[in-house]
């Protein structure tokens, strides 16, 4: 009798999975989808308070030396400070579009971005 019960239960498992599967997968996929970040323009960033986290999309136009780079988007330019580890192994050319993650730094006369990560 126990053998029949085990066989009956095993036979029903695929049916139970079919009922639970679609709803579970839909919710799991919705929760796992990567949300698109809000991109801030240079024009917006220069008005933000110190230490505000930002995500920017544009081009690194020039290496200014000593980990300083000139970044450009359609609204203007701003200086970036990018430490070696924040490049994440990316090699970036002048015309490559990049996404910059960082924080506004207003320690000097003009706003800069202290970069935490560069994505190509």
PDB file of N, CA and C in Angstrom:
ATOM      1  N   UNK A   1       0.822  -1.190   0.000  1.00  0.00           N
ATOM      2  CA  UNK A   1       0.000   0.000   0.000  1.00  0.00           C
ATOM      3  C   UNK A   1       0.872   1.262   0.000  1.00  0.00           C
ATOM      4  N   UNK A   2       1.983   1.280   0.747  1.00  0.00           N
ATOM      5  CA  UNK A   2       2.863   2.436   0.786  1.00  0.00           C
ATOM      6  C   UNK A   2       3.487   2.684  -0.580  1.00  0.00           C
ATOM      7  N   UNK A   3       3.782   1.615  -1.336  1.00  0.00           N
ATOM      8  CA  UNK A   3       4.389   1.790  -2.651  1.00  0.00           C
ATOM      9  C   UNK A   3       3.419   2.494  -3.591  1.00  0.00           C
ATOM     10  N   UNK A   4       2.176   2.191  -3.509  1.00  0.00           N
ATOM     11  CA  UNK A   4       1.179   2.812  -4.373  1.00  0.00           C
ATOM     12  C   UNK A   4       1.040   4.297  -4.008  1.00  0.00           C
ATOM     13  N   UNK A   5       1.064   4.623  -2.717  1.00  0.00           N
ATOM     14  CA  UNK A   5       0.940   6.017  -2.290  1.00  0.00           C
ATOM     15  C   UNK A   5       2.118   6.844  -2.782  1.00  0.00           C
ATOM     16  N   UNK A   6       3.320   6.322  -2.689  1.00  0.00           N
ATOM     17  CA  UNK A   6       4.501   7.042  -3.140  1.00  0.00           C
ATOM     18  C   UNK A   6       4.438   7.255  -4.644  1.00  0.00           C
ATOM     19  N   UNK A   7       4.044   6.254  -5.380  1.00  0.00           N
ATOM     20  CA  UNK A   7       3.925   6.373  -6.831  1.00  0.00           C
ATOM     21  C   UNK A   7       2.853   7.400  -7.186  1.00  0.00           C
ATOM     22  N   UNK A   8       1.739   7.403  -6.472  1.00  0.00           N
ATOM     23  CA  UNK A   8       0.670   8.360  -6.744  1.00  0.00           C
ATOM     24  C   UNK A   8       1.136   9.790  -6.473  1.00  0.00           C
ATOM     25  N   UNK A   9       1.873   9.988  -5.398  1.00  0.00           N
ATOM     26  CA  UNK A   9       2.379  11.316  -5.063  1.00  0.00           C
ATOM     27  C   UNK A   9       3.381  11.773  -6.106  1.00  0.00           C
ATOM     28  N   UNK A  10       4.292  10.898  -6.513  1.00  0.00           N
ATOM     29  CA  UNK A  10       5.286  11.260  -7.517  1.00  0.00           C
ATOM     30  C   UNK A  10       4.634  11.590  -8.857  1.00  0.00           C
ATOM     31  N   UNK A  11       3.565  10.917  -9.180  1.00  0.00           N
ATOM     32  CA  UNK A  11       2.862  11.163 -10.435  1.00  0.00           C
ATOM     33  C   UNK A  11       2.183  12.539 -10.425  1.00  0.00           C
ATOM     34  N   UNK A  12       1.781  13.020  -9.256  1.00  0.00           N
ATOM     35  CA  UNK A  12       1.102  14.302  -9.157  1.00  0.00           C
ATOM     36  C   UNK A  12       2.057  15.499  -9.094  1.00  0.00           C
ATOM     37  N   UNK A  13       3.331  15.293  -8.794  1.00  0.00           N
ATOM     38  CA  UNK A  13       4.269  16.399  -8.650  1.00  0.00           C
ATOM     39  C   UNK A  13       4.366  17.271  -9.904  1.00  0.00           C
ATOM     40  N   UNK A  14       4.477  16.709 -11.102  1.00  0.00           N
ATOM     41  CA  UNK A  14       4.544  17.593 -12.277  1.00  0.00           C
ATOM     42  C   UNK A  14       3.283  18.437 -12.457  1.00  0.00           C
ATOM     43  N   UNK A  15       2.115  17.908 -12.104  1.00  0.00           N
ATOM     44  CA  UNK A  15       0.879  18.662 -12.231  1.00  0.00           C
ATOM     45  C   UNK A  15       0.873  19.827 -11.247  1.00  0.00           C
ATOM     46  N   UNK A  16       1.306  19.599 -10.017  1.00  0.00           N
ATOM     47  CA  UNK A  16       1.352  20.658  -9.008  1.00  0.00           C
ATOM     48  C   UNK A  16       2.329  21.741  -9.438  1.00  0.00           C
ATOM     49  N   UNK A  17       3.454  21.354  -9.988  1.00  0.00           N
ATOM     50  CA  UNK A  17       4.446  22.318 -10.454  1.00  0.00           C
ATOM     51  C   UNK A  17       3.893  23.169 -11.579  1.00  0.00           C
ATOM     52  N   UNK A  18       3.074  22.603 -12.429  1.00  0.00           N
ATOM     53  CA  UNK A  18       2.516  23.359 -13.547  1.00  0.00           C
ATOM     54  C   UNK A  18       1.570  24.446 -13.050  1.00  0.00           C
ATOM     55  N   UNK A  19       0.838  24.182 -11.978  1.00  0.00           N
ATOM     56  CA  UNK A  19      -0.076  25.194 -11.456  1.00  0.00           C
ATOM     57  C   UNK A  19       0.678  26.289 -10.715  1.00  0.00           C
ATOM     58  N   UNK A  20       1.731  25.936 -10.009  1.00  0.00           N
ATOM     59  CA  UNK A  20       2.474  26.923  -9.234  1.00  0.00           C
ATOM     60  C   UNK A  20       3.483  27.677 -10.093  1.00  0.00           C
ATOM     61  N   UNK A  21       3.955  27.066 -11.134  1.00  0.00           N
ATOM     62  CA  UNK A  21       5.051  27.606 -11.936  1.00  0.00           C
ATOM     63  C   UNK A  21       4.796  28.950 -12.579  1.00  0.00           C
ATOM     64  N   UNK A  22       3.775  29.119 -13.404  1.00  0.00           N
ATOM     65  CA  UNK A  22       3.644  30.375 -14.132  1.00  0.00           C
ATOM     66  C   UNK A  22       3.531  31.603 -13.237  1.00  0.00           C
ATOM     67  N   UNK A  23       2.743  31.548 -12.210  1.00  0.00           N
ATOM     68  CA  UNK A  23       2.620  32.691 -11.306  1.00  0.00           C
ATOM     69  C   UNK A  23       3.915  32.969 -10.583  1.00  0.00           C
ATOM     70  N   UNK A  24       4.578  31.940 -10.171  1.00  0.00           N
ATOM     71  CA  UNK A  24       5.849  32.091  -9.481  1.00  0.00           C
ATOM     72  C   UNK A  24       6.882  32.692 -10.421  1.00  0.00           C
ATOM     73  N   UNK A  25       6.955  32.220 -11.640  1.00  0.00           N
ATOM     74  CA  UNK A  25       7.955  32.729 -12.580  1.00  0.00           C
ATOM     75  C   UNK A  25       7.694  34.186 -12.928  1.00  0.00           C
ATOM     76  N   UNK A  26       6.454  34.558 -13.105  1.00  0.00           N
ATOM     77  CA  UNK A  26       6.126  35.938 -13.454  1.00  0.00           C
ATOM     78  C   UNK A  26       6.580  36.877 -12.346  1.00  0.00           C
ATOM     79  N   UNK A  27       6.265  36.557 -11.118  1.00  0.00           N
ATOM     80  CA  UNK A  27       6.671  37.400 -10.002  1.00  0.00           C
ATOM     81  C   UNK A  27       8.180  37.407  -9.845  1.00  0.00           C
ATOM     82  N   UNK A  28       8.809  36.266 -10.002  1.00  0.00           N
ATOM     83  CA  UNK A  28      10.256  36.184  -9.873  1.00  0.00           C
ATOM     84  C   UNK A  28      10.921  37.019 -10.957  1.00  0.00           C
ATOM     85  N   UNK A  29      10.408  36.958 -12.179  1.00  0.00           N
ATOM     86  CA  UNK A  29      10.983  37.745 -13.269  1.00  0.00           C
ATOM     87  C   UNK A  29      10.791  39.228 -13.037  1.00  0.00           C
ATOM     88  N   UNK A  30       9.624  39.633 -12.549  1.00  0.00           N
ATOM     89  CA  UNK A  30       9.392  41.050 -12.274  1.00  0.00           C
ATOM     90  C   UNK A  30      10.335  41.561 -11.196  1.00  0.00           C
ATOM     91  N   UNK A  31      10.559  40.769 -10.167  1.00  0.00           N
ATOM     92  CA  UNK A  31      11.431  41.177  -9.077  1.00  0.00           C
ATOM     93  C   UNK A  31      12.888  41.170  -9.479  1.00  0.00           C
ATOM     94  N   UNK A  32      13.257  40.329 -10.442  1.00  0.00           N
ATOM     95  CA  UNK A  32      14.648  40.182 -10.816  1.00  0.00           C
ATOM     96  C   UNK A  32      15.050  41.111 -11.955  1.00  0.00           C
ATOM     97  N   UNK A  33      14.090  41.761 -12.613  1.00  0.00           N
ATOM     98  CA  UNK A  33      14.439  42.653 -13.696  1.00  0.00           C
ATOM     99  C   UNK A  33      15.230  43.829 -13.141  1.00  0.00           C
ATOM    100  N   UNK A  34      16.309  44.188 -13.852  1.00  0.00           N
ATOM    101  CA  UNK A  34      17.143  45.298 -13.423  1.00  0.00           C
ATOM    102  C   UNK A  34      16.442  46.601 -13.767  1.00  0.00           C
ATOM    103  N   UNK A  35      16.274  47.444 -12.781  1.00  0.00           N
ATOM    104  CA  UNK A  35      15.629  48.722 -13.017  1.00  0.00           C
ATOM    105  C   UNK A  35      16.605  49.666 -13.700  1.00  0.00           C
ATOM    106  N   UNK A  36      16.103  50.422 -14.649  1.00  0.00           N
ATOM    107  CA  UNK A  36      16.907  51.408 -15.356  1.00  0.00           C
ATOM    108  C   UNK A  36      17.188  52.573 -14.409  1.00  0.00           C
ATOM    109  N   UNK A  37      18.464  52.980 -14.265  1.00  0.00           N
ATOM    110  CA  UNK A  37      18.749  54.092 -13.354  1.00  0.00           C
ATOM    111  C   UNK A  37      18.255  55.423 -13.919  1.00  0.00           C
ATOM    112  N   UNK A  38      18.079  56.397 -13.064  1.00  0.00           N
ATOM    113  CA  UNK A  38      17.767  57.751 -13.490  1.00  0.00           C
ATOM    114  C   UNK A  38      19.083  58.444 -13.783  1.00  0.00           C
ATOM    115  N   UNK A  39      19.244  58.898 -15.014  1.00  0.00           N
ATOM    116  CA  UNK A  39      20.471  59.590 -15.405  1.00  0.00           C
ATOM    117  C   UNK A  39      20.322  61.086 -15.137  1.00  0.00           C
ATOM    118  N   UNK A  40      21.352  61.672 -14.559  1.00  0.00           N
ATOM    119  CA  UNK A  40      21.387  63.103 -14.286  1.00  0.00           C
ATOM    120  C   UNK A  40      22.285  63.762 -15.305  1.00  0.00           C
ATOM    121  N   UNK A  41      21.914  64.938 -15.756  1.00  0.00           N
ATOM    122  CA  UNK A  41      22.736  65.685 -16.712  1.00  0.00           C
ATOM    123  C   UNK A  41      23.767  66.512 -15.954  1.00  0.00           C
ATOM    124  N   UNK A  42      24.803  66.938 -16.674  1.00  0.00           N
ATOM    125  CA  UNK A  42      25.812  67.813 -16.076  1.00  0.00           C
ATOM    126  C   UNK A  42      25.143  69.072 -15.538  1.00  0.00           C
ATOM    127  N   UNK A  43      24.224  69.645 -16.303  1.00  0.00           N
ATOM    128  CA  UNK A  43      23.535  70.866 -15.880  1.00  0.00           C
ATOM    129  C   UNK A  43      22.793  70.661 -14.554  1.00  0.00           C
ATOM    130  N   UNK A  44      22.203  69.490 -14.356  1.00  0.00           N
ATOM    131  CA  UNK A  44      21.495  69.204 -13.102  1.00  0.00           C
ATOM    132  C   UNK A  44      22.473  68.948 -11.959  1.00  0.00           C
ATOM    133  N   UNK A  45      23.536  68.225 -12.251  1.00  0.00           N
ATOM    134  CA  UNK A  45      24.485  67.806 -11.218  1.00  0.00           C
ATOM    135  C   UNK A  45      25.199  68.993 -10.579  1.00  0.00           C
ATOM    136  N   UNK A  46      25.544  70.012 -11.372  1.00  0.00           N
ATOM    137  CA  UNK A  46      26.280  71.150 -10.799  1.00  0.00           C
ATOM    138  C   UNK A  46      25.459  71.917  -9.771  1.00  0.00           C
ATOM    139  N   UNK A  47      24.141  71.739  -9.775  1.00  0.00           N
ATOM    140  CA  UNK A  47      23.265  72.410  -8.812  1.00  0.00           C
ATOM    141  C   UNK A  47      22.963  71.554  -7.581  1.00  0.00           C
ATOM    142  N   UNK A  48      23.409  70.309  -7.571  1.00  0.00           N
ATOM    143  CA  UNK A  48      23.087  69.387  -6.471  1.00  0.00           C
ATOM    144  C   UNK A  48      23.996  69.626  -5.267  1.00  0.00           C
ATOM    145  N   UNK A  49      23.501  69.278  -4.076  1.00  0.00           N
ATOM    146  CA  UNK A  49      24.320  69.402  -2.865  1.00  0.00           C
ATOM    147  C   UNK A  49      25.489  68.411  -2.854  1.00  0.00           C
ATOM    148  N   UNK A  50      26.490  68.728  -2.066  1.00  0.00           N
ATOM    149  CA  UNK A  50      27.658  67.871  -1.867  1.00  0.00           C
ATOM    150  C   UNK A  50      27.233  66.471  -1.415  1.00  0.00           C
ATOM    151  N   UNK A  51      27.935  65.472  -1.911  1.00  0.00           N
ATOM    152  CA  UNK A  51      27.745  64.056  -1.562  1.00  0.00           C
ATOM    153  C   UNK A  51      26.461  63.437  -2.106  1.00  0.00           C
ATOM    154  N   UNK A  52      25.763  64.103  -3.021  1.00  0.00           N
ATOM    155  CA  UNK A  52      24.570  63.523  -3.635  1.00  0.00           C
ATOM    156  C   UNK A  52      24.988  62.408  -4.593  1.00  0.00           C
ATOM    157  N   UNK A  53      24.420  61.203  -4.451  1.00  0.00           N
ATOM    158  CA  UNK A  53      24.741  60.134  -5.406  1.00  0.00           C
ATOM    159  C   UNK A  53      24.117  60.428  -6.773  1.00  0.00           C
ATOM    160  N   UNK A  54      24.892  60.193  -7.841  1.00  0.00           N
ATOM    161  CA  UNK A  54      24.409  60.460  -9.192  1.00  0.00           C
ATOM    162  C   UNK A  54      24.814  59.333 -10.143  1.00  0.00           C
ATOM    163  N   UNK A  55      24.045  59.214 -11.226  1.00  0.00           N
ATOM    164  CA  UNK A  55      24.367  58.335 -12.341  1.00  0.00           C
ATOM    165  C   UNK A  55      24.288  59.208 -13.579  1.00  0.00           C
ATOM    166  N   UNK A  56      25.362  59.190 -14.382  1.00  0.00           N
ATOM    167  CA  UNK A  56      25.435  60.051 -15.560  1.00  0.00           C
ATOM    168  C   UNK A  56      25.801  59.212 -16.785  1.00  0.00           C
ATOM    169  N   UNK A  57      25.341  59.670 -17.954  1.00  0.00           N
ATOM    170  CA  UNK A  57      25.612  58.961 -19.206  1.00  0.00           C
ATOM    171  C   UNK A  57      26.192  59.954 -20.206  1.00  0.00           C
ATOM    172  N   UNK A  58      27.362  59.657 -20.723  1.00  0.00           N
ATOM    173  CA  UNK A  58      28.008  60.554 -21.669  1.00  0.00           C
ATOM    174  C   UNK A  58      29.366  60.024 -22.069  1.00  0.00           C
ATOM    175  N   UNK A  59      30.295  60.939 -22.374  1.00  0.00           N
ATOM    176  CA  UNK A  59      31.622  60.563 -22.859  1.00  0.00           C
ATOM    177  C   UNK A  59      32.705  61.190 -22.002  1.00  0.00           C
ATOM    178  N   UNK A  60      33.763  60.423 -21.759  1.00  0.00           N
ATOM    179  CA  UNK A  60      34.952  60.973 -21.125  1.00  0.00           C
ATOM    180  C   UNK A  60      35.795  61.533 -22.265  1.00  0.00           C
ATOM    181  N   UNK A  61      35.935  62.850 -22.304  1.00  0.00           N
ATOM    182  CA  UNK A  61      36.554  63.518 -23.445  1.00  0.00           C
ATOM    183  C   UNK A  61      38.061  63.687 -23.325  1.00  0.00           C
ATOM    184  N   UNK A  62      38.581  63.754 -22.089  1.00  0.00           N
ATOM    185  CA  UNK A  62      40.006  64.028 -21.969  1.00  0.00           C
ATOM    186  C   UNK A  62      40.535  63.585 -20.616  1.00  0.00           C
ATOM    187  N   UNK A  63      41.743  63.023 -20.616  1.00  0.00           N
ATOM    188  CA  UNK A  63      42.467  62.718 -19.391  1.00  0.00           C
ATOM    189  C   UNK A  63      43.209  63.988 -18.998  1.00  0.00           C
ATOM    190  N   UNK A  64      42.890  64.524 -17.827  1.00  0.00           N
ATOM    191  CA  UNK A  64      43.492  65.773 -17.367  1.00  0.00           C
ATOM    192  C   UNK A  64      44.700  65.519 -16.457  1.00  0.00           C
ATOM    193  N   UNK A  65      45.024  64.252 -16.215  1.00  0.00           N
ATOM    194  CA  UNK A  65      46.153  63.898 -15.354  1.00  0.00           C
ATOM    195  C   UNK A  65      45.724  63.682 -13.913  1.00  0.00           C
ATOM    196  N   UNK A  66      46.521  62.905 -13.197  1.00  0.00           N
ATOM    197  CA  UNK A  66      46.309  62.627 -11.776  1.00  0.00           C
ATOM    198  C   UNK A  66      44.887  62.194 -11.448  1.00  0.00           C
ATOM    199  N   UNK A  67      44.355  61.246 -12.197  1.00  0.00           N
ATOM    200  CA  UNK A  67      43.036  60.633 -11.994  1.00  0.00           C
ATOM    201  C   UNK A  67      41.871  61.583 -12.250  1.00  0.00           C
ATOM    202  N   UNK A  68      42.117  62.685 -12.937  1.00  0.00           N
ATOM    203  CA  UNK A  68      41.068  63.656 -13.270  1.00  0.00           C
ATOM    204  C   UNK A  68      40.758  63.562 -14.762  1.00  0.00           C
ATOM    205  N   UNK A  69      39.454  63.574 -15.083  1.00  0.00           N
ATOM    206  CA  UNK A  69      38.987  63.411 -16.460  1.00  0.00           C
ATOM    207  C   UNK A  69      37.871  64.406 -16.734  1.00  0.00           C
ATOM    208  N   UNK A  70      37.814  64.854 -17.990  1.00  0.00           N
ATOM    209  CA  UNK A  70      36.756  65.756 -18.413  1.00  0.00           C
ATOM    210  C   UNK A  70      35.624  64.921 -19.013  1.00  0.00           C
ATOM    211  N   UNK A  71      34.430  65.053 -18.442  1.00  0.00           N
ATOM    212  CA  UNK A  71      33.241  64.307 -18.864  1.00  0.00           C
ATOM    213  C   UNK A  71      32.300  65.270 -19.577  1.00  0.00           C
ATOM    214  N   UNK A  72      31.629  64.767 -20.623  1.00  0.00           N
ATOM    215  CA  UNK A  72      30.723  65.603 -21.391  1.00  0.00           C
ATOM    216  C   UNK A  72      29.425  64.878 -21.687  1.00  0.00           C
ATOM    217  N   UNK A  73      28.311  65.597 -21.551  1.00  0.00           N
ATOM    218  CA  UNK A  73      27.025  65.120 -22.062  1.00  0.00           C
ATOM    219  C   UNK A  73      26.433  66.256 -22.887  1.00  0.00           C
ATOM    220  N   UNK A  74      25.196  66.137 -23.288  1.00  0.00           N
ATOM    221  CA  UNK A  74      24.598  67.144 -24.169  1.00  0.00           C
ATOM    222  C   UNK A  74      24.367  68.499 -23.490  1.00  0.00           C
ATOM    223  N   UNK A  75      24.534  68.558 -22.148  1.00  0.00           N
ATOM    224  CA  UNK A  75      24.258  69.806 -21.431  1.00  0.00           C
ATOM    225  C   UNK A  75      25.502  70.530 -20.946  1.00  0.00           C
ATOM    226  N   UNK A  76      26.671  69.894 -21.049  1.00  0.00           N
ATOM    227  CA  UNK A  76      27.887  70.547 -20.584  1.00  0.00           C
ATOM    228  C   UNK A  76      28.986  69.582 -20.216  1.00  0.00           C
ATOM    229  N   UNK A  77      29.979  70.102 -19.486  1.00  0.00           N
ATOM    230  CA  UNK A  77      31.122  69.298 -19.062  1.00  0.00           C
ATOM    231  C   UNK A  77      31.318  69.423 -17.559  1.00  0.00           C
ATOM    232  N   UNK A  78      31.958  68.398 -16.980  1.00  0.00           N
ATOM    233  CA  UNK A  78      32.266  68.393 -15.553  1.00  0.00           C
ATOM    234  C   UNK A  78      33.498  67.514 -15.357  1.00  0.00           C
ATOM    235  N   UNK A  79      34.248  67.797 -14.319  1.00  0.00           N
ATOM    236  CA  UNK A  79      35.436  67.001 -13.999  1.00  0.00           C
ATOM    237  C   UNK A  79      35.036  65.773 -13.188  1.00  0.00           C
ATOM    238  N   UNK A  80      35.714  64.667 -13.498  1.00  0.00           N
ATOM    239  CA  UNK A  80      35.530  63.414 -12.766  1.00  0.00           C
ATOM    240  C   UNK A  80      36.846  63.048 -12.100  1.00  0.00           C
ATOM    241  N   UNK A  81      36.769  62.516 -10.912  1.00  0.00           N
ATOM    242  CA  UNK A  81      37.927  61.896 -10.268  1.00  0.00           C
ATOM    243  C   UNK A  81      37.671  60.397 -10.270  1.00  0.00           C
ATOM    244  N   UNK A  82      38.513  59.664 -11.007  1.00  0.00           N
ATOM    245  CA  UNK A  82      38.322  58.217 -11.152  1.00  0.00           C
ATOM    246  C   UNK A  82      39.575  57.503 -10.666  1.00  0.00           C
ATOM    247  N   UNK A  83      39.456  56.790  -9.547  1.00  0.00           N
ATOM    248  CA  UNK A  83      40.552  55.974  -9.041  1.00  0.00           C
ATOM    249  C   UNK A  83      40.697  54.727  -9.912  1.00  0.00           C
ATOM    250  N   UNK A  84      41.875  54.154  -9.932  1.00  0.00           N
ATOM    251  CA  UNK A  84      42.184  53.004 -10.799  1.00  0.00           C
ATOM    252  C   UNK A  84      41.173  51.865 -10.652  1.00  0.00           C
ATOM    253  N   UNK A  85      40.801  51.524  -9.436  1.00  0.00           N
ATOM    254  CA  UNK A  85      39.883  50.392  -9.220  1.00  0.00           C
ATOM    255  C   UNK A  85      38.455  50.678  -9.685  1.00  0.00           C
ATOM    256  N   UNK A  86      38.113  51.953  -9.868  1.00  0.00           N
ATOM    257  CA  UNK A  86      36.753  52.313 -10.269  1.00  0.00           C
ATOM    258  C   UNK A  86      36.489  52.147 -11.771  1.00  0.00           C
ATOM    259  N   UNK A  87      37.547  51.861 -12.552  1.00  0.00           N
ATOM    260  CA  UNK A  87      37.385  51.606 -13.985  1.00  0.00           C
ATOM    261  C   UNK A  87      36.798  50.220 -14.235  1.00  0.00           C
ATOM    262  N   UNK A  88      36.846  49.341 -13.252  1.00  0.00           N
ATOM    263  CA  UNK A  88      36.301  47.976 -13.363  1.00  0.00           C
ATOM    264  C   UNK A  88      36.872  47.219 -14.558  1.00  0.00           C
ATOM    265  N   UNK A  89      38.114  47.470 -14.891  1.00  0.00           N
ATOM    266  CA  UNK A  89      38.764  46.771 -15.993  1.00  0.00           C
ATOM    267  C   UNK A  89      38.393  47.302 -17.371  1.00  0.00           C
ATOM    268  N   UNK A  90      37.582  48.342 -17.458  1.00  0.00           N
ATOM    269  CA  UNK A  90      37.164  48.896 -18.748  1.00  0.00           C
ATOM    270  C   UNK A  90      38.279  49.747 -19.364  1.00  0.00           C
ATOM    271  N   UNK A  91      38.437  49.610 -20.661  1.00  0.00           N
ATOM    272  CA  UNK A  91      39.282  50.511 -21.434  1.00  0.00           C
ATOM    273  C   UNK A  91      38.335  51.416 -22.201  1.00  0.00           C
ATOM    274  N   UNK A  92      38.420  52.707 -21.961  1.00  0.00           N
ATOM    275  CA  UNK A  92      37.480  53.656 -22.545  1.00  0.00           C
ATOM    276  C   UNK A  92      38.215  54.568 -23.518  1.00  0.00           C
ATOM    277  N   UNK A  93      37.660  54.697 -24.714  1.00  0.00           N
ATOM    278  CA  UNK A  93      38.188  55.612 -25.730  1.00  0.00           C
ATOM    279  C   UNK A  93      37.364  56.899 -25.702  1.00  0.00           C
ATOM    280  N   UNK A  94      37.869  57.929 -26.341  1.00  0.00           N
ATOM    281  CA  UNK A  94      37.249  59.251 -26.299  1.00  0.00           C
ATOM    282  C   UNK A  94      35.786  59.233 -26.741  1.00  0.00           C
ATOM    283  N   UNK A  95      35.422  58.502 -27.761  1.00  0.00           N
ATOM    284  CA  UNK A  95      34.046  58.533 -28.259  1.00  0.00           C
ATOM    285  C   UNK A  95      33.149  57.433 -27.691  1.00  0.00           C
ATOM    286  N   UNK A  96      33.630  56.679 -26.714  1.00  0.00           N
ATOM    287  CA  UNK A  96      32.814  55.624 -26.093  1.00  0.00           C
ATOM    288  C   UNK A  96      31.797  56.243 -25.132  1.00  0.00           C
ATOM    289  N   UNK A  97      30.558  55.788 -25.237  1.00  0.00           N
ATOM    290  CA  UNK A  97      29.540  56.191 -24.261  1.00  0.00           C
ATOM    291  C   UNK A  97      29.758  55.379 -22.990  1.00  0.00           C
ATOM    292  N   UNK A  98      29.694  56.042 -21.864  1.00  0.00           N
ATOM    293  CA  UNK A  98      29.885  55.374 -20.574  1.00  0.00           C
ATOM    294  C   UNK A  98      28.797  55.798 -19.602  1.00  0.00           C
ATOM    295  N   UNK A  99      28.582  54.967 -18.611  1.00  0.00           N
ATOM    296  CA  UNK A  99      27.718  55.315 -17.493  1.00  0.00           C
ATOM    297  C   UNK A  99      28.611  55.496 -16.278  1.00  0.00           C
ATOM    298  N   UNK A 100      28.455  56.615 -15.625  1.00  0.00           N
ATOM    299  CA  UNK A 100      29.264  56.985 -14.473  1.00  0.00           C
ATOM    300  C   UNK A 100      28.388  56.932 -13.220  1.00  0.00           C
ATOM    301  N   UNK A 101      28.859  56.217 -12.207  1.00  0.00           N
ATOM    302  CA  UNK A 101      28.215  56.193 -10.894  1.00  0.00           C
ATOM    303  C   UNK A 101      29.154  56.923  -9.939  1.00  0.00           C
ATOM    304  N   UNK A 102      28.620  57.838  -9.167  1.00  0.00           N
ATOM    305  CA  UNK A 102      29.486  58.556  -8.250  1.00  0.00           C
ATOM    306  C   UNK A 102      28.710  59.477  -7.337  1.00  0.00           C
ATOM    307  N   UNK A 103      29.443  60.407  -6.737  1.00  0.00           N
ATOM    308  CA  UNK A 103      28.876  61.363  -5.794  1.00  0.00           C
ATOM    309  C   UNK A 103      29.368  62.762  -6.130  1.00  0.00           C
ATOM    310  N   UNK A 104      28.476  63.734  -5.973  1.00  0.00           N
ATOM    311  CA  UNK A 104      28.847  65.123  -6.191  1.00  0.00           C
ATOM    312  C   UNK A 104      29.874  65.519  -5.133  1.00  0.00           C
ATOM    313  N   UNK A 105      30.937  66.188  -5.583  1.00  0.00           N
ATOM    314  CA  UNK A 105      31.981  66.666  -4.679  1.00  0.00           C
ATOM    315  C   UNK A 105      32.110  68.171  -4.870  1.00  0.00           C
ATOM    316  N   UNK A 106      31.691  68.927  -3.867  1.00  0.00           N
ATOM    317  CA  UNK A 106      31.762  70.385  -3.934  1.00  0.00           C
ATOM    318  C   UNK A 106      32.827  70.934  -2.993  1.00  0.00           C
ATOM    319  N   UNK A 107      33.892  70.166  -2.811  1.00  0.00           N
ATOM    320  CA  UNK A 107      34.981  70.606  -1.934  1.00  0.00           C
ATOM    321  C   UNK A 107      35.799  71.739  -2.522  1.00  0.00           C
ATOM    322  N   UNK A 108      35.822  71.868  -3.845  1.00  0.00           N
ATOM    323  CA  UNK A 108      36.583  72.934  -4.506  1.00  0.00           C
ATOM    324  C   UNK A 108      35.667  74.069  -4.928  1.00  0.00           C
ATOM    325  N   UNK A 109      36.151  74.885  -5.843  1.00  0.00           N
ATOM    326  CA  UNK A 109      35.367  76.030  -6.322  1.00  0.00           C
ATOM    327  C   UNK A 109      34.210  75.606  -7.214  1.00  0.00           C
ATOM    328  N   UNK A 110      34.407  74.518  -7.966  1.00  0.00           N
ATOM    329  CA  UNK A 110      33.348  74.025  -8.861  1.00  0.00           C
ATOM    330  C   UNK A 110      33.029  72.572  -8.512  1.00  0.00           C
ATOM    331  N   UNK A 111      31.825  72.147  -8.867  1.00  0.00           N
ATOM    332  CA  UNK A 111      31.405  70.774  -8.590  1.00  0.00           C
ATOM    333  C   UNK A 111      32.209  69.797  -9.439  1.00  0.00           C
ATOM    334  N   UNK A 112      32.542  68.670  -8.850  1.00  0.00           N
ATOM    335  CA  UNK A 112      33.176  67.542  -9.530  1.00  0.00           C
ATOM    336  C   UNK A 112      32.398  66.301  -9.146  1.00  0.00           C
ATOM    337  N   UNK A 113      32.707  65.186  -9.804  1.00  0.00           N
ATOM    338  CA  UNK A 113      32.104  63.909  -9.449  1.00  0.00           C
ATOM    339  C   UNK A 113      33.211  62.978  -8.957  1.00  0.00           C
ATOM    340  N   UNK A 114      33.046  62.475  -7.756  1.00  0.00           N
ATOM    341  CA  UNK A 114      33.934  61.438  -7.223  1.00  0.00           C
ATOM    342  C   UNK A 114      33.336  60.116  -7.687  1.00  0.00           C
ATOM    343  N   UNK A 115      33.945  59.513  -8.688  1.00  0.00           N
ATOM    344  CA  UNK A 115      33.396  58.337  -9.344  1.00  0.00           C
ATOM    345  C   UNK A 115      33.616  57.084  -8.495  1.00  0.00           C
ATOM    346  N   UNK A 116      32.565  56.275  -8.391  1.00  0.00           N
ATOM    347  CA  UNK A 116      32.667  54.993  -7.688  1.00  0.00           C
ATOM    348  C   UNK A 116      32.703  53.818  -8.657  1.00  0.00           C
ATOM    349  N   UNK A 117      32.198  54.030  -9.898  1.00  0.00           N
ATOM    350  CA  UNK A 117      32.179  52.941 -10.880  1.00  0.00           C
ATOM    351  C   UNK A 117      31.964  53.508 -12.284  1.00  0.00           C
ATOM    352  N   UNK A 118      32.653  52.874 -13.266  1.00  0.00           N
ATOM    353  CA  UNK A 118      32.491  53.227 -14.681  1.00  0.00           C
ATOM    354  C   UNK A 118      32.006  51.989 -15.410  1.00  0.00           C
ATOM    355  N   UNK A 119      30.929  52.132 -16.197  1.00  0.00           N
ATOM    356  CA  UNK A 119      30.421  51.043 -17.036  1.00  0.00           C
ATOM    357  C   UNK A 119      30.498  51.485 -18.482  1.00  0.00           C
ATOM    358  N   UNK A 120      30.923  50.589 -19.321  1.00  0.00           N
ATOM    359  CA  UNK A 120      31.008  50.887 -20.749  1.00  0.00           C
ATOM    360  C   UNK A 120      29.844  50.277 -21.481  1.00  0.00           C
TER     361      UNK A 120
END
